[in-house]
Amino acid sequence: MALLITDECINCDVCEPECPNDAITQGDEIYVIDPAKCTECVGHYDEPQCVEVCPVDCIPKDPAHDETEEELRAKYERLTA
C-alpha cells in the first residue's frame, strides 16, 4: 500500500529528501507521493522514512493503493533494477 500526504501537510520540506525512491514531490499546494514509486521504504528501511520525520502526522496509508509486502518488495526491485 502506497502512502499519501493529506491536506494537513504544512510544507515543512522534511519528507522529500528522506524518500529513497524519489516518490515525494512538491504539488500545487502540498507535497504529494507518487504511488508508482512509493514502496513504504520496503527494501530500504524497516519503517517509512517520511512518516518517521513528519512533524504533523499527515502521511497515512493510501486505501486506493492496497499492496501486500510482497508487492511492495517487487516494486522496490523493479525501481532499483
N, C-alpha and C. Protein backbone atom coordinates (compact mmCIF):
# COMPACT_ATOMS: atom_id res chain seq x y z
N MET A 1 0.85 -1.18 0.00
CA MET A 1 0.00 0.00 0.00
C MET A 1 0.89 1.23 0.00
N ALA A 2 0.71 2.05 -0.96
CA ALA A 2 1.45 3.31 -1.00
C ALA A 2 0.94 4.23 0.10
N LEU A 3 1.70 5.26 0.35
CA LEU A 3 1.31 6.26 1.33
C LEU A 3 0.78 7.48 0.60
N LEU A 4 0.11 8.36 1.33
CA LEU A 4 -0.33 9.62 0.76
C LEU A 4 -0.19 10.72 1.78
N ILE A 5 -0.06 11.93 1.30
CA ILE A 5 0.08 13.09 2.18
C ILE A 5 -1.25 13.83 2.17
N THR A 6 -1.80 14.04 3.36
CA THR A 6 -3.10 14.68 3.48
C THR A 6 -2.96 16.20 3.47
N ASP A 7 -4.11 16.88 3.42
CA ASP A 7 -4.08 18.35 3.39
C ASP A 7 -3.69 18.97 4.72
N GLU A 8 -3.36 18.14 5.71
CA GLU A 8 -2.81 18.64 6.97
C GLU A 8 -1.33 18.99 6.83
N CYS A 9 -0.74 18.66 5.69
CA CYS A 9 0.67 18.94 5.41
C CYS A 9 0.95 20.44 5.59
N ILE A 10 2.06 20.74 6.25
CA ILE A 10 2.44 22.14 6.48
C ILE A 10 3.62 22.56 5.59
N ASN A 11 3.95 21.74 4.60
CA ASN A 11 5.05 22.04 3.67
C ASN A 11 6.35 22.35 4.40
N CYS A 12 6.69 21.52 5.35
CA CYS A 12 7.90 21.76 6.14
C CYS A 12 9.17 21.30 5.42
N ASP A 13 9.02 20.57 4.33
CA ASP A 13 10.14 20.14 3.49
C ASP A 13 11.00 19.02 4.07
N VAL A 14 10.59 18.36 5.13
CA VAL A 14 11.45 17.32 5.69
C VAL A 14 11.24 15.95 5.05
N CYS A 15 10.09 15.69 4.47
CA CYS A 15 9.82 14.36 3.93
C CYS A 15 10.51 14.10 2.59
N GLU A 16 10.50 15.07 1.72
CA GLU A 16 11.01 14.88 0.36
C GLU A 16 12.43 14.31 0.32
N PRO A 17 13.39 14.89 1.02
CA PRO A 17 14.76 14.35 0.93
C PRO A 17 14.94 12.99 1.60
N GLU A 18 13.98 12.58 2.43
CA GLU A 18 14.09 11.30 3.12
C GLU A 18 13.65 10.12 2.28
N CYS A 19 12.92 10.37 1.19
CA CYS A 19 12.37 9.29 0.38
C CYS A 19 13.45 8.67 -0.50
N PRO A 20 13.76 7.38 -0.29
CA PRO A 20 14.82 6.74 -1.08
C PRO A 20 14.40 6.46 -2.53
N ASN A 21 13.10 6.54 -2.83
CA ASN A 21 12.61 6.26 -4.18
C ASN A 21 12.24 7.52 -4.96
N ASP A 22 12.51 8.68 -4.39
CA ASP A 22 12.13 9.95 -5.02
C ASP A 22 10.64 9.98 -5.38
N ALA A 23 9.82 9.42 -4.50
CA ALA A 23 8.38 9.37 -4.74
C ALA A 23 7.66 10.63 -4.27
N ILE A 24 8.32 11.47 -3.50
CA ILE A 24 7.69 12.66 -2.95
C ILE A 24 8.15 13.90 -3.70
N THR A 25 7.18 14.68 -4.15
CA THR A 25 7.47 15.92 -4.85
C THR A 25 6.54 17.02 -4.36
N GLN A 26 6.92 18.26 -4.63
CA GLN A 26 6.07 19.38 -4.26
C GLN A 26 4.91 19.46 -5.24
N GLY A 27 3.69 19.43 -4.72
CA GLY A 27 2.50 19.57 -5.55
C GLY A 27 2.09 21.03 -5.63
N ASP A 28 0.89 21.28 -6.11
CA ASP A 28 0.40 22.66 -6.24
C ASP A 28 0.30 23.35 -4.87
N GLU A 29 -0.20 22.61 -3.87
CA GLU A 29 -0.39 23.22 -2.55
C GLU A 29 0.38 22.50 -1.45
N ILE A 30 0.49 21.18 -1.56
CA ILE A 30 1.21 20.39 -0.56
C ILE A 30 2.07 19.36 -1.28
N TYR A 31 2.91 18.69 -0.54
CA TYR A 31 3.71 17.61 -1.11
C TYR A 31 2.79 16.46 -1.50
N VAL A 32 3.21 15.71 -2.52
CA VAL A 32 2.44 14.56 -2.99
C VAL A 32 3.37 13.35 -3.12
N ILE A 33 2.77 12.17 -3.02
CA ILE A 33 3.52 10.92 -3.15
C ILE A 33 3.04 10.21 -4.41
N ASP A 34 3.97 9.82 -5.26
CA ASP A 34 3.67 9.06 -6.47
C ASP A 34 3.51 7.59 -6.06
N PRO A 35 2.29 7.03 -6.14
CA PRO A 35 2.09 5.65 -5.71
C PRO A 35 2.86 4.64 -6.54
N ALA A 36 3.24 4.99 -7.75
CA ALA A 36 4.02 4.08 -8.60
C ALA A 36 5.45 3.94 -8.09
N LYS A 37 5.91 4.91 -7.28
CA LYS A 37 7.27 4.87 -6.74
C LYS A 37 7.33 4.56 -5.26
N CYS A 38 6.21 4.71 -4.55
CA CYS A 38 6.21 4.50 -3.10
C CYS A 38 6.19 3.02 -2.76
N THR A 39 7.20 2.59 -2.01
CA THR A 39 7.26 1.21 -1.52
C THR A 39 7.14 1.16 0.00
N GLU A 40 6.75 2.27 0.61
CA GLU A 40 6.74 2.41 2.07
C GLU A 40 8.12 2.09 2.64
N CYS A 41 9.13 2.36 1.84
CA CYS A 41 10.54 2.14 2.17
C CYS A 41 10.92 0.66 2.28
N VAL A 42 10.03 -0.25 1.86
CA VAL A 42 10.37 -1.67 1.81
C VAL A 42 11.59 -1.82 0.91
N GLY A 43 12.57 -2.57 1.39
CA GLY A 43 13.81 -2.75 0.66
C GLY A 43 14.89 -1.77 1.06
N HIS A 44 14.50 -0.68 1.67
CA HIS A 44 15.47 0.33 2.11
C HIS A 44 15.54 0.41 3.64
N TYR A 45 14.37 0.52 4.29
CA TYR A 45 14.30 0.73 5.73
C TYR A 45 13.17 -0.11 6.33
N ASP A 46 13.18 -0.26 7.63
CA ASP A 46 12.12 -1.00 8.32
C ASP A 46 10.82 -0.21 8.42
N GLU A 47 10.93 1.11 8.43
CA GLU A 47 9.77 1.98 8.55
C GLU A 47 9.81 3.05 7.47
N PRO A 48 8.65 3.52 7.01
CA PRO A 48 8.64 4.62 6.04
C PRO A 48 9.31 5.86 6.62
N GLN A 49 10.32 6.34 5.96
CA GLN A 49 11.10 7.46 6.49
C GLN A 49 10.32 8.77 6.52
N CYS A 50 9.42 8.96 5.55
CA CYS A 50 8.63 10.20 5.56
C CYS A 50 7.73 10.25 6.79
N VAL A 51 7.18 9.11 7.16
CA VAL A 51 6.31 9.05 8.35
C VAL A 51 7.14 9.33 9.60
N GLU A 52 8.35 8.78 9.63
CA GLU A 52 9.22 8.96 10.78
C GLU A 52 9.56 10.43 11.04
N VAL A 53 9.75 11.22 9.98
CA VAL A 53 10.19 12.61 10.16
C VAL A 53 9.05 13.63 10.14
N CYS A 54 7.86 13.22 9.75
CA CYS A 54 6.74 14.17 9.63
C CYS A 54 6.33 14.71 11.00
N PRO A 55 6.38 16.04 11.18
CA PRO A 55 6.04 16.61 12.47
C PRO A 55 4.54 16.72 12.74
N VAL A 56 3.70 16.53 11.72
CA VAL A 56 2.25 16.69 11.93
C VAL A 56 1.46 15.41 11.69
N ASP A 57 2.13 14.30 11.43
CA ASP A 57 1.46 13.01 11.28
C ASP A 57 0.38 13.07 10.19
N CYS A 58 0.78 13.46 8.99
CA CYS A 58 -0.18 13.63 7.89
C CYS A 58 0.09 12.66 6.74
N ILE A 59 0.75 11.51 7.03
CA ILE A 59 1.08 10.57 5.96
C ILE A 59 0.55 9.18 6.29
N PRO A 60 -0.74 8.94 6.03
CA PRO A 60 -1.31 7.62 6.26
C PRO A 60 -1.14 6.72 5.03
N LYS A 61 -1.53 5.47 5.19
CA LYS A 61 -1.57 4.55 4.04
C LYS A 61 -2.69 5.00 3.11
N ASP A 62 -2.46 4.84 1.82
CA ASP A 62 -3.42 5.24 0.81
C ASP A 62 -4.34 4.06 0.50
N PRO A 63 -5.61 4.12 0.93
CA PRO A 63 -6.52 3.00 0.71
C PRO A 63 -6.80 2.74 -0.77
N ALA A 64 -6.51 3.68 -1.62
CA ALA A 64 -6.72 3.50 -3.06
C ALA A 64 -5.59 2.68 -3.70
N HIS A 65 -4.52 2.43 -2.96
CA HIS A 65 -3.38 1.68 -3.48
C HIS A 65 -2.98 0.59 -2.49
N ASP A 66 -3.85 -0.39 -2.34
CA ASP A 66 -3.64 -1.50 -1.42
C ASP A 66 -2.63 -2.49 -2.00
N GLU A 67 -1.50 -2.67 -1.33
CA GLU A 67 -0.47 -3.58 -1.79
C GLU A 67 0.06 -4.40 -0.63
N THR A 68 0.40 -5.65 -0.91
CA THR A 68 0.97 -6.53 0.11
C THR A 68 2.46 -6.23 0.26
N GLU A 69 3.06 -6.78 1.28
CA GLU A 69 4.50 -6.65 1.50
C GLU A 69 5.26 -7.20 0.28
N GLU A 70 4.78 -8.30 -0.27
CA GLU A 70 5.42 -8.91 -1.43
C GLU A 70 5.32 -7.99 -2.66
N GLU A 71 4.18 -7.37 -2.85
CA GLU A 71 4.02 -6.44 -3.97
C GLU A 71 4.91 -5.21 -3.82
N LEU A 72 5.03 -4.72 -2.58
CA LEU A 72 5.91 -3.58 -2.32
C LEU A 72 7.36 -3.96 -2.59
N ARG A 73 7.76 -5.18 -2.20
CA ARG A 73 9.13 -5.63 -2.45
C ARG A 73 9.38 -5.78 -3.95
N ALA A 74 8.41 -6.30 -4.69
CA ALA A 74 8.55 -6.44 -6.14
C ALA A 74 8.67 -5.06 -6.79
N LYS A 75 7.91 -4.09 -6.30
CA LYS A 75 8.01 -2.72 -6.83
C LYS A 75 9.40 -2.15 -6.54
N TYR A 76 9.90 -2.38 -5.33
CA TYR A 76 11.25 -1.93 -4.96
C TYR A 76 12.27 -2.53 -5.92
N GLU A 77 12.15 -3.82 -6.20
CA GLU A 77 13.11 -4.49 -7.09
C GLU A 77 13.03 -3.93 -8.50
N ARG A 78 11.83 -3.61 -8.99
CA ARG A 78 11.71 -3.00 -10.31
C ARG A 78 12.34 -1.61 -10.34
N LEU A 79 12.11 -0.85 -9.28
CA LEU A 79 12.63 0.52 -9.23
C LEU A 79 14.15 0.57 -9.12
N THR A 80 14.74 -0.44 -8.50
CA THR A 80 16.19 -0.42 -8.27
C THR A 80 16.96 -1.29 -9.25
N ALA A 81 16.26 -1.91 -10.19
CA ALA A 81 16.93 -2.79 -11.17
C ALA A 81 17.82 -2.01 -12.10
